[in-house]
Amino acid sequence: MIKRGSLIEVENTKYYDDGQIIKVFSRGACLRDCEMGEQAEIITFTGHVVKGIVSPNKCFYNRHYNLGKNVKEVLSIKVH
């Protein structure tokens, strides 16, 4: 189980009439407890709420050995 507030990545897939498929991956903090592969809402670091499927390919939550990919302290730095 992924706990509320954990950093996760969600995937949204858009299908167009001409056969084109676009996948959008968004990262942020999940707003409720969820599982891999289910629909979840996240809040991004810019404050947007995004719905999508929790991406099983690129999970960055609660892993100390992925520090080069997502570190909460670095992601919260704001440029004035």
Foldseek 3Di string as FASTA:
>chain_A
DDAFQWKFKFWDWDADPVGDIDIDIAIATWHGDDDAQDWTWGQHLVGDIDIGGTHPVDTDTPDPVVVVPDDPVVRNDDDD
